[in-house]
PDB file of N, CA and C in Angstrom:
ATOM      1  N   UNK A   1       0.847  -1.186   0.000  1.00  0.00           N
ATOM      2  CA  UNK A   1       0.000   0.000   0.000  1.00  0.00           C
ATOM      3  C   UNK A   1       0.890   1.247   0.000  1.00  0.00           C
ATOM      4  N   UNK A   2       0.505   2.242  -0.758  1.00  0.00           N
ATOM      5  CA  UNK A   2       1.267   3.483  -0.897  1.00  0.00           C
ATOM      6  C   UNK A   2       0.349   4.630  -0.523  1.00  0.00           C
ATOM      7  N   UNK A   3       0.727   5.396   0.493  1.00  0.00           N
ATOM      8  CA  UNK A   3      -0.119   6.483   0.984  1.00  0.00           C
ATOM      9  C   UNK A   3       0.472   7.831   0.593  1.00  0.00           C
ATOM     10  N   UNK A   4      -0.382   8.682   0.036  1.00  0.00           N
ATOM     11  CA  UNK A   4       0.024  10.013  -0.405  1.00  0.00           C
ATOM     12  C   UNK A   4      -0.619  11.098   0.450  1.00  0.00           C
ATOM     13  N   UNK A   5       0.154  12.128   0.711  1.00  0.00           N
ATOM     14  CA  UNK A   5      -0.368  13.355   1.314  1.00  0.00           C
ATOM     15  C   UNK A   5      -0.718  14.291   0.159  1.00  0.00           C
ATOM     16  N   UNK A   6      -1.883  14.926   0.235  1.00  0.00           N
ATOM     17  CA  UNK A   6      -2.311  15.864  -0.808  1.00  0.00           C
ATOM     18  C   UNK A   6      -2.650  17.188  -0.124  1.00  0.00           C
ATOM     19  N   UNK A   7      -1.848  18.213  -0.387  1.00  0.00           N
ATOM     20  CA  UNK A   7      -2.050  19.521   0.230  1.00  0.00           C
ATOM     21  C   UNK A   7      -2.494  20.553  -0.783  1.00  0.00           C
ATOM     22  N   UNK A   8      -3.050  21.654  -0.281  1.00  0.00           N
ATOM     23  CA  UNK A   8      -3.471  22.754  -1.148  1.00  0.00           C
ATOM     24  C   UNK A   8      -4.792  22.511  -1.842  1.00  0.00           C
ATOM     25  N   UNK A   9      -5.592  21.597  -1.308  1.00  0.00           N
ATOM     26  CA  UNK A   9      -6.885  21.299  -1.940  1.00  0.00           C
ATOM     27  C   UNK A   9      -7.862  22.454  -1.753  1.00  0.00           C
ATOM     28  N   UNK A  10      -8.714  22.695  -2.759  1.00  0.00           N
ATOM     29  CA  UNK A  10      -9.794  23.654  -2.553  1.00  0.00           C
ATOM     30  C   UNK A  10     -10.651  23.163  -1.377  1.00  0.00           C
ATOM     31  N   UNK A  11     -11.150  24.078  -0.567  1.00  0.00           N
ATOM     32  CA  UNK A  11     -11.884  23.692   0.631  1.00  0.00           C
ATOM     33  C   UNK A  11     -13.191  22.965   0.328  1.00  0.00           C
ATOM     34  N   UNK A  12     -13.694  23.072  -0.894  1.00  0.00           N
ATOM     35  CA  UNK A  12     -14.946  22.407  -1.264  1.00  0.00           C
ATOM     36  C   UNK A  12     -14.739  20.964  -1.744  1.00  0.00           C
ATOM     37  N   UNK A  13     -13.490  20.515  -1.844  1.00  0.00           N
ATOM     38  CA  UNK A  13     -13.206  19.171  -2.342  1.00  0.00           C
ATOM     39  C   UNK A  13     -13.787  18.106  -1.409  1.00  0.00           C
ATOM     40  N   UNK A  14     -14.449  17.109  -2.012  1.00  0.00           N
ATOM     41  CA  UNK A  14     -15.026  16.007  -1.232  1.00  0.00           C
ATOM     42  C   UNK A  14     -14.128  14.776  -1.336  1.00  0.00           C
ATOM     43  N   UNK A  15     -14.386  13.797  -0.471  1.00  0.00           N
ATOM     44  CA  UNK A  15     -13.649  12.532  -0.530  1.00  0.00           C
ATOM     45  C   UNK A  15     -13.807  11.887  -1.904  1.00  0.00           C
ATOM     46  N   UNK A  16     -15.031  11.897  -2.431  1.00  0.00           N
ATOM     47  CA  UNK A  16     -15.298  11.267  -3.734  1.00  0.00           C
ATOM     48  C   UNK A  16     -14.550  11.969  -4.867  1.00  0.00           C
ATOM     49  N   UNK A  17     -14.493  13.300  -4.821  1.00  0.00           N
ATOM     50  CA  UNK A  17     -13.765  14.045  -5.858  1.00  0.00           C
ATOM     51  C   UNK A  17     -12.275  13.746  -5.783  1.00  0.00           C
ATOM     52  N   UNK A  18     -11.752  13.634  -4.570  1.00  0.00           N
ATOM     53  CA  UNK A  18     -10.333  13.313  -4.388  1.00  0.00           C
ATOM     54  C   UNK A  18     -10.033  11.924  -4.949  1.00  0.00           C
ATOM     55  N   UNK A  19     -10.904  10.973  -4.642  1.00  0.00           N
ATOM     56  CA  UNK A  19     -10.722   9.605  -5.150  1.00  0.00           C
ATOM     57  C   UNK A  19     -10.780   9.577  -6.673  1.00  0.00           C
ATOM     58  N   UNK A  20     -11.743  10.310  -7.238  1.00  0.00           N
ATOM     59  CA  UNK A  20     -11.897  10.347  -8.698  1.00  0.00           C
ATOM     60  C   UNK A  20     -10.653  10.928  -9.374  1.00  0.00           C
ATOM     61  N   UNK A  21     -10.109  11.991  -8.797  1.00  0.00           N
ATOM     62  CA  UNK A  21      -8.912  12.622  -9.352  1.00  0.00           C
ATOM     63  C   UNK A  21      -7.745  11.638  -9.427  1.00  0.00           C
ATOM     64  N   UNK A  22      -7.551  10.861  -8.374  1.00  0.00           N
ATOM     65  CA  UNK A  22      -6.410   9.955  -8.306  1.00  0.00           C
ATOM     66  C   UNK A  22      -6.665   8.602  -8.972  1.00  0.00           C
ATOM     67  N   UNK A  23      -7.919   8.232  -9.139  1.00  0.00           N
ATOM     68  CA  UNK A  23      -8.259   6.936  -9.739  1.00  0.00           C
ATOM     69  C   UNK A  23      -7.794   6.808 -11.183  1.00  0.00           C
ATOM     70  N   UNK A  24      -7.566   7.923 -11.838  1.00  0.00           N
ATOM     71  CA  UNK A  24      -7.075   7.891 -13.218  1.00  0.00           C
ATOM     72  C   UNK A  24      -5.681   7.265 -13.289  1.00  0.00           C
ATOM     73  N   UNK A  25      -5.018   7.155 -12.133  1.00  0.00           N
ATOM     74  CA  UNK A  25      -3.637   6.664 -12.119  1.00  0.00           C
ATOM     75  C   UNK A  25      -3.490   5.282 -11.491  1.00  0.00           C
ATOM     76  N   UNK A  26      -4.605   4.681 -11.051  1.00  0.00           N
ATOM     77  CA  UNK A  26      -4.520   3.341 -10.483  1.00  0.00           C
ATOM     78  C   UNK A  26      -5.664   3.065  -9.523  1.00  0.00           C
ATOM     79  N   UNK A  27      -5.535   1.955  -8.799  1.00  0.00           N
ATOM     80  CA  UNK A  27      -6.581   1.523  -7.875  1.00  0.00           C
ATOM     81  C   UNK A  27      -6.423   2.223  -6.529  1.00  0.00           C
ATOM     82  N   UNK A  28      -7.354   3.124  -6.240  1.00  0.00           N
ATOM     83  CA  UNK A  28      -7.350   3.862  -4.979  1.00  0.00           C
ATOM     84  C   UNK A  28      -8.144   3.052  -3.950  1.00  0.00           C
ATOM     85  N   UNK A  29      -7.500   2.744  -2.816  1.00  0.00           N
ATOM     86  CA  UNK A  29      -8.201   1.990  -1.774  1.00  0.00           C
ATOM     87  C   UNK A  29      -8.921   2.918  -0.801  1.00  0.00           C
ATOM     88  N   UNK A  30      -8.426   4.153  -0.654  1.00  0.00           N
ATOM     89  CA  UNK A  30      -9.138   5.129   0.176  1.00  0.00           C
ATOM     90  C   UNK A  30      -8.690   6.544  -0.185  1.00  0.00           C
ATOM     91  N   UNK A  31      -9.600   7.480   0.011  1.00  0.00           N
ATOM     92  CA  UNK A  31      -9.315   8.905  -0.203  1.00  0.00           C
ATOM     93  C   UNK A  31     -10.094   9.668   0.850  1.00  0.00           C
ATOM     94  N   UNK A  32      -9.386  10.481   1.623  1.00  0.00           N
ATOM     95  CA  UNK A  32     -10.020  11.172   2.744  1.00  0.00           C
ATOM     96  C   UNK A  32      -9.543  12.612   2.818  1.00  0.00           C
ATOM     97  N   UNK A  33     -10.494  13.553   2.755  1.00  0.00           N
ATOM     98  CA  UNK A  33     -10.205  14.965   2.982  1.00  0.00           C
ATOM     99  C   UNK A  33     -10.316  15.175   4.490  1.00  0.00           C
ATOM    100  N   UNK A  34      -9.305  15.781   5.089  1.00  0.00           N
ATOM    101  CA  UNK A  34      -9.284  15.984   6.531  1.00  0.00           C
ATOM    102  C   UNK A  34     -10.120  17.212   6.883  1.00  0.00           C
ATOM    103  N   UNK A  35     -10.978  17.036   7.882  1.00  0.00           N
ATOM    104  CA  UNK A  35     -11.868  18.125   8.296  1.00  0.00           C
ATOM    105  C   UNK A  35     -11.612  18.505   9.743  1.00  0.00           C
ATOM    106  N   UNK A  36     -11.968  19.737  10.063  1.00  0.00           N
ATOM    107  CA  UNK A  36     -11.867  20.231  11.430  1.00  0.00           C
ATOM    108  C   UNK A  36     -12.890  19.503  12.293  1.00  0.00           C
ATOM    109  N   UNK A  37     -12.454  19.019  13.431  1.00  0.00           N
ATOM    110  CA  UNK A  37     -13.310  18.231  14.313  1.00  0.00           C
ATOM    111  C   UNK A  37     -14.521  19.023  14.810  1.00  0.00           C
ATOM    112  N   UNK A  38     -14.328  20.299  15.060  1.00  0.00           N
ATOM    113  CA  UNK A  38     -15.408  21.110  15.629  1.00  0.00           C
ATOM    114  C   UNK A  38     -16.356  21.682  14.578  1.00  0.00           C
ATOM    115  N   UNK A  39     -15.812  22.178  13.469  1.00  0.00           N
ATOM    116  CA  UNK A  39     -16.655  22.852  12.478  1.00  0.00           C
ATOM    117  C   UNK A  39     -17.064  21.931  11.324  1.00  0.00           C
ATOM    118  N   UNK A  40     -16.327  20.849  11.111  1.00  0.00           N
ATOM    119  CA  UNK A  40     -16.619  19.958   9.995  1.00  0.00           C
ATOM    120  C   UNK A  40     -16.126  20.484   8.661  1.00  0.00           C
ATOM    121  N   UNK A  41     -15.454  21.640   8.666  1.00  0.00           N
ATOM    122  CA  UNK A  41     -14.933  22.227   7.424  1.00  0.00           C
ATOM    123  C   UNK A  41     -13.610  21.587   7.034  1.00  0.00           C
ATOM    124  N   UNK A  42     -13.369  21.529   5.738  1.00  0.00           N
ATOM    125  CA  UNK A  42     -12.119  20.980   5.221  1.00  0.00           C
ATOM    126  C   UNK A  42     -10.929  21.794   5.716  1.00  0.00           C
ATOM    127  N   UNK A  43      -9.835  21.094   5.976  1.00  0.00           N
ATOM    128  CA  UNK A  43      -8.589  21.770   6.345  1.00  0.00           C
ATOM    129  C   UNK A  43      -7.710  22.014   5.110  1.00  0.00           C
ATOM    130  N   UNK A  44      -8.184  21.605   3.932  1.00  0.00           N
ATOM    131  CA  UNK A  44      -7.450  21.864   2.692  1.00  0.00           C
ATOM    132  C   UNK A  44      -6.378  20.831   2.371  1.00  0.00           C
ATOM    133  N   UNK A  45      -6.422  19.684   3.058  1.00  0.00           N
ATOM    134  CA  UNK A  45      -5.495  18.607   2.721  1.00  0.00           C
ATOM    135  C   UNK A  45      -6.170  17.267   2.972  1.00  0.00           C
ATOM    136  N   UNK A  46      -5.540  16.225   2.425  1.00  0.00           N
ATOM    137  CA  UNK A  46      -6.108  14.896   2.600  1.00  0.00           C
ATOM    138  C   UNK A  46      -5.076  13.825   2.324  1.00  0.00           C
ATOM    139  N   UNK A  47      -5.541  12.585   2.338  1.00  0.00           N
ATOM    140  CA  UNK A  47      -4.677  11.439   2.099  1.00  0.00           C
ATOM    141  C   UNK A  47      -5.350  10.494   1.116  1.00  0.00           C
ATOM    142  N   UNK A  48      -4.521   9.898   0.245  1.00  0.00           N
ATOM    143  CA  UNK A  48      -5.002   8.929  -0.735  1.00  0.00           C
ATOM    144  C   UNK A  48      -4.123   7.694  -0.619  1.00  0.00           C
ATOM    145  N   UNK A  49      -4.754   6.522  -0.568  1.00  0.00           N
ATOM    146  CA  UNK A  49      -4.003   5.271  -0.496  1.00  0.00           C
ATOM    147  C   UNK A  49      -4.212   4.464  -1.768  1.00  0.00           C
ATOM    148  N   UNK A  50      -3.106   3.982  -2.305  1.00  0.00           N
ATOM    149  CA  UNK A  50      -3.132   3.128  -3.485  1.00  0.00           C
ATOM    150  C   UNK A  50      -2.821   1.702  -3.079  1.00  0.00           C
ATOM    151  N   UNK A  51      -3.438   0.762  -3.790  1.00  0.00           N
ATOM    152  CA  UNK A  51      -3.195  -0.657  -3.568  1.00  0.00           C
ATOM    153  C   UNK A  51      -1.753  -1.014  -3.972  1.00  0.00           C
ATOM    154  N   UNK A  52      -1.269  -0.351  -5.009  1.00  0.00           N
ATOM    155  CA  UNK A  52       0.010  -0.700  -5.623  1.00  0.00           C
ATOM    156  C   UNK A  52       0.992   0.474  -5.508  1.00  0.00           C
ATOM    157  N   UNK A  53       2.210   0.209  -5.048  1.00  0.00           N
ATOM    158  CA  UNK A  53       3.224   1.264  -4.882  1.00  0.00           C
ATOM    159  C   UNK A  53       3.534   1.985  -6.185  1.00  0.00           C
ATOM    160  N   UNK A  54       3.673   1.228  -7.282  1.00  0.00           N
ATOM    161  CA  UNK A  54       4.025   1.842  -8.567  1.00  0.00           C
ATOM    162  C   UNK A  54       2.947   2.810  -9.042  1.00  0.00           C
ATOM    163  N   UNK A  55       1.680   2.437  -8.843  1.00  0.00           N
ATOM    164  CA  UNK A  55       0.584   3.323  -9.236  1.00  0.00           C
ATOM    165  C   UNK A  55       0.581   4.586  -8.374  1.00  0.00           C
ATOM    166  N   UNK A  56       0.831   4.420  -7.081  1.00  0.00           N
ATOM    167  CA  UNK A  56       0.890   5.571  -6.175  1.00  0.00           C
ATOM    168  C   UNK A  56       2.006   6.522  -6.548  1.00  0.00           C
ATOM    169  N   UNK A  57       3.170   5.971  -6.867  1.00  0.00           N
ATOM    170  CA  UNK A  57       4.312   6.804  -7.263  1.00  0.00           C
ATOM    171  C   UNK A  57       4.033   7.516  -8.580  1.00  0.00           C
ATOM    172  N   UNK A  58       3.350   6.831  -9.499  1.00  0.00           N
ATOM    173  CA  UNK A  58       2.997   7.448 -10.788  1.00  0.00           C
ATOM    174  C   UNK A  58       2.017   8.601 -10.571  1.00  0.00           C
ATOM    175  N   UNK A  59       1.044   8.412  -9.693  1.00  0.00           N
ATOM    176  CA  UNK A  59       0.079   9.469  -9.402  1.00  0.00           C
ATOM    177  C   UNK A  59       0.766  10.657  -8.749  1.00  0.00           C
ATOM    178  N   UNK A  60       1.700  10.375  -7.843  1.00  0.00           N
ATOM    179  CA  UNK A  60       2.459  11.437  -7.169  1.00  0.00           C
ATOM    180  C   UNK A  60       3.191  12.293  -8.197  1.00  0.00           C
ATOM    181  N   UNK A  61       3.869  11.631  -9.105  1.00  0.00           N
ATOM    182  CA  UNK A  61       4.644  12.335 -10.132  1.00  0.00           C
ATOM    183  C   UNK A  61       3.732  13.118 -11.083  1.00  0.00           C
ATOM    184  N   UNK A  62       2.606  12.509 -11.464  1.00  0.00           N
ATOM    185  CA  UNK A  62       1.708  13.126 -12.437  1.00  0.00           C
ATOM    186  C   UNK A  62       0.922  14.307 -11.863  1.00  0.00           C
ATOM    187  N   UNK A  63       0.545  14.235 -10.584  1.00  0.00           N
ATOM    188  CA  UNK A  63      -0.371  15.235 -10.042  1.00  0.00           C
ATOM    189  C   UNK A  63       0.278  16.316  -9.186  1.00  0.00           C
ATOM    190  N   UNK A  64       1.501  16.110  -8.717  1.00  0.00           N
ATOM    191  CA  UNK A  64       2.154  17.129  -7.898  1.00  0.00           C
ATOM    192  C   UNK A  64       2.314  18.420  -8.695  1.00  0.00           C
ATOM    193  N   UNK A  65       1.800  19.515  -8.129  1.00  0.00           N
ATOM    194  CA  UNK A  65       1.912  20.820  -8.787  1.00  0.00           C
ATOM    195  C   UNK A  65       0.820  21.120  -9.788  1.00  0.00           C
ATOM    196  N   UNK A  66      -0.133  20.200  -9.963  1.00  0.00           N
ATOM    197  CA  UNK A  66      -1.206  20.451 -10.920  1.00  0.00           C
ATOM    198  C   UNK A  66      -2.273  21.354 -10.311  1.00  0.00           C
ATOM    199  N   UNK A  67      -3.093  21.930 -11.182  1.00  0.00           N
ATOM    200  CA  UNK A  67      -4.154  22.836 -10.770  1.00  0.00           C
ATOM    201  C   UNK A  67      -5.439  22.066 -10.520  1.00  0.00           C
ATOM    202  N   UNK A  68      -5.993  22.243  -9.335  1.00  0.00           N
ATOM    203  CA  UNK A  68      -7.285  21.647  -8.994  1.00  0.00           C
ATOM    204  C   UNK A  68      -8.163  22.772  -8.447  1.00  0.00           C
ATOM    205  N   UNK A  69      -9.203  23.081  -9.155  1.00  0.00           N
ATOM    206  CA  UNK A  69     -10.119  24.135  -8.707  1.00  0.00           C
ATOM    207  C   UNK A  69      -9.447  25.478  -8.492  1.00  0.00           C
ATOM    208  N   UNK A  70      -8.437  25.784  -9.313  1.00  0.00           N
ATOM    209  CA  UNK A  70      -7.745  27.065  -9.208  1.00  0.00           C
ATOM    210  C   UNK A  70      -6.618  27.092  -8.187  1.00  0.00           C
ATOM    211  N   UNK A  71      -6.330  25.949  -7.578  1.00  0.00           N
ATOM    212  CA  UNK A  71      -5.227  25.882  -6.597  1.00  0.00           C
ATOM    213  C   UNK A  71      -4.208  24.838  -7.038  1.00  0.00           C
ATOM    214  N   UNK A  72      -2.948  25.140  -6.814  1.00  0.00           N
ATOM    215  CA  UNK A  72      -1.876  24.204  -7.127  1.00  0.00           C
ATOM    216  C   UNK A  72      -1.723  23.230  -5.953  1.00  0.00           C
ATOM    217  N   UNK A  73      -1.903  21.937  -6.235  1.00  0.00           N
ATOM    218  CA  UNK A  73      -1.831  20.961  -5.152  1.00  0.00           C
ATOM    219  C   UNK A  73      -0.416  20.408  -4.991  1.00  0.00           C
ATOM    220  N   UNK A  74      -0.115  20.003  -3.778  1.00  0.00           N
ATOM    221  CA  UNK A  74       1.148  19.348  -3.450  1.00  0.00           C
ATOM    222  C   UNK A  74       0.839  17.887  -3.188  1.00  0.00           C
ATOM    223  N   UNK A  75       1.581  17.005  -3.854  1.00  0.00           N
ATOM    224  CA  UNK A  75       1.371  15.566  -3.661  1.00  0.00           C
ATOM    225  C   UNK A  75       2.720  14.929  -3.356  1.00  0.00           C
ATOM    226  N   UNK A  76       2.814  14.274  -2.212  1.00  0.00           N
ATOM    227  CA  UNK A  76       4.030  13.518  -1.900  1.00  0.00           C
ATOM    228  C   UNK A  76       3.714  12.354  -0.976  1.00  0.00           C
ATOM    229  N   UNK A  77       4.669  11.443  -0.872  1.00  0.00           N
ATOM    230  CA  UNK A  77       4.443  10.268  -0.034  1.00  0.00           C
ATOM    231  C   UNK A  77       4.206  10.721   1.405  1.00  0.00           C
ATOM    232  N   UNK A  78       3.182  10.165   2.011  1.00  0.00           N
ATOM    233  CA  UNK A  78       2.844  10.530   3.390  1.00  0.00           C
ATOM    234  C   UNK A  78       3.883   9.957   4.344  1.00  0.00           C
ATOM    235  N   UNK A  79       4.288  10.773   5.303  1.00  0.00           N
ATOM    236  CA  UNK A  79       5.200  10.300   6.340  1.00  0.00           C
ATOM    237  C   UNK A  79       4.379   9.638   7.433  1.00  0.00           C
ATOM    238  N   UNK A  80       4.979   8.688   8.149  1.00  0.00           N
ATOM    239  CA  UNK A  80       4.246   8.087   9.270  1.00  0.00           C
ATOM    240  C   UNK A  80       3.876   9.165  10.284  1.00  0.00           C
ATOM    241  N   UNK A  81       2.728   9.000  10.894  1.00  0.00           N
ATOM    242  CA  UNK A  81       2.264   9.977  11.873  1.00  0.00           C
ATOM    243  C   UNK A  81       3.171   9.948  13.094  1.00  0.00           C
ATOM    244  N   UNK A  82       3.598  11.137  13.510  1.00  0.00           N
ATOM    245  CA  UNK A  82       4.466  11.230  14.686  1.00  0.00           C
ATOM    246  C   UNK A  82       3.649  11.045  15.945  1.00  0.00           C
ATOM    247  N   UNK A  83       4.236  10.347  16.890  1.00  0.00           N
ATOM    248  CA  UNK A  83       3.580  10.207  18.188  1.00  0.00           C
ATOM    249  C   UNK A  83       3.698  11.535  18.915  1.00  0.00           C
ATOM    250  N   UNK A  84       2.561  12.104  19.242  1.00  0.00           N
ATOM    251  CA  UNK A  84       2.574  13.362  19.981  1.00  0.00           C
ATOM    252  C   UNK A  84       2.048  13.079  21.374  1.00  0.00           C
ATOM    253  N   UNK A  85       2.662  13.670  22.386  1.00  0.00           N
ATOM    254  CA  UNK A  85       2.158  13.429  23.741  1.00  0.00           C
ATOM    255  C   UNK A  85       0.750  13.988  23.894  1.00  0.00           C
ATOM    256  N   UNK A  86      -0.058  13.262  24.580  1.00  0.00           N
ATOM    257  CA  UNK A  86      -1.420  13.732  24.839  1.00  0.00           C
ATOM    258  C   UNK A  86      -1.362  14.872  25.828  1.00  0.00           C
ATOM    259  N   UNK A  87      -2.154  15.896  25.582  1.00  0.00           N
ATOM    260  CA  UNK A  87      -2.162  17.050  26.483  1.00  0.00           C
ATOM    261  C   UNK A  87      -3.225  16.838  27.554  1.00  0.00           C
ATOM    262  N   UNK A  88      -2.856  17.159  28.763  1.00  0.00           N
ATOM    263  CA  UNK A  88      -3.769  17.010  29.882  1.00  0.00           C
ATOM    264  C   UNK A  88      -4.306  18.380  30.261  1.00  0.00           C
ATOM    265  N   UNK A  89      -5.576  18.603  30.032  1.00  0.00           N
ATOM    266  CA  UNK A  89      -6.179  19.892  30.316  1.00  0.00           C
ATOM    267  C   UNK A  89      -6.912  19.896  31.667  1.00  0.00           C
ATOM    268  N   UNK A  90      -6.633  18.889  32.487  1.00  0.00           N
ATOM    269  CA  UNK A  90      -7.367  18.785  33.749  1.00  0.00           C
ATOM    270  C   UNK A  90      -6.818  19.703  34.831  1.00  0.00           C
ATOM    271  N   UNK A  91      -5.684  20.334  34.589  1.00  0.00           N
ATOM    272  CA  UNK A  91      -5.120  21.250  35.581  1.00  0.00           C
ATOM    273  C   UNK A  91      -4.057  20.601  36.448  1.00  0.00           C
ATOM    274  N   UNK A  92      -3.574  19.439  36.020  1.00  0.00           N
ATOM    275  CA  UNK A  92      -2.485  18.802  36.754  1.00  0.00           C
ATOM    276  C   UNK A  92      -2.929  18.190  38.074  1.00  0.00           C
ATOM    277  N   UNK A  93      -2.146  18.447  39.123  1.00  0.00           N
ATOM    278  CA  UNK A  93      -2.408  17.813  40.415  1.00  0.00           C
ATOM    279  C   UNK A  93      -3.481  18.505  41.227  1.00  0.00           C
ATOM    280  N   UNK A  94      -3.803  19.716  40.837  1.00  0.00           N
ATOM    281  CA  UNK A  94      -4.747  20.489  41.630  1.00  0.00           C
ATOM    282  C   UNK A  94      -6.144  19.900  41.589  1.00  0.00           C
ATOM    283  N   UNK A  95      -6.826  19.965  42.705  1.00  0.00           N
ATOM    284  CA  UNK A  95      -8.225  19.526  42.788  1.00  0.00           C
ATOM    285  C   UNK A  95      -9.114  20.705  42.397  1.00  0.00           C
ATOM    286  N   UNK A  96     -10.159  20.411  41.661  1.00  0.00           N
ATOM    287  CA  UNK A  96     -11.109  21.488  41.339  1.00  0.00           C
ATOM    288  C   UNK A  96     -11.807  21.910  42.619  1.00  0.00           C
ATOM    289  N   UNK A  97     -11.882  23.201  42.847  1.00  0.00           N
ATOM    290  CA  UNK A  97     -12.413  23.700  44.110  1.00  0.00           C
ATOM    291  C   UNK A  97     -13.838  24.222  43.987  1.00  0.00           C
ATOM    292  N   UNK A  98     -14.475  23.957  42.892  1.00  0.00           N
ATOM    293  CA  UNK A  98     -15.836  24.454  42.797  1.00  0.00           C
ATOM    294  C   UNK A  98     -16.750  23.424  43.266  1.00  0.00           C
TER     295      UNK A  98
END
């Protein structure tokens, strides 16, 4: 499986449109536009997974820098997600006094 990061997407882009764009280059197993958890609005980037590495690399080469909806998109191999420490908003050791 080959996973691509796609940046610079128009905010109106849907998962289906993203999949359709990349399907011209091979078998897409998933396409997801990332949205803000609170507002549900697109963050302007997403991820596309290909079944085959060669097809994913071909799509990366073919689509990086192309115009989609008036915006130039960035396409490159997705890096593994970094482990980020979970933030504790409970106030640490202090007891709530209310």
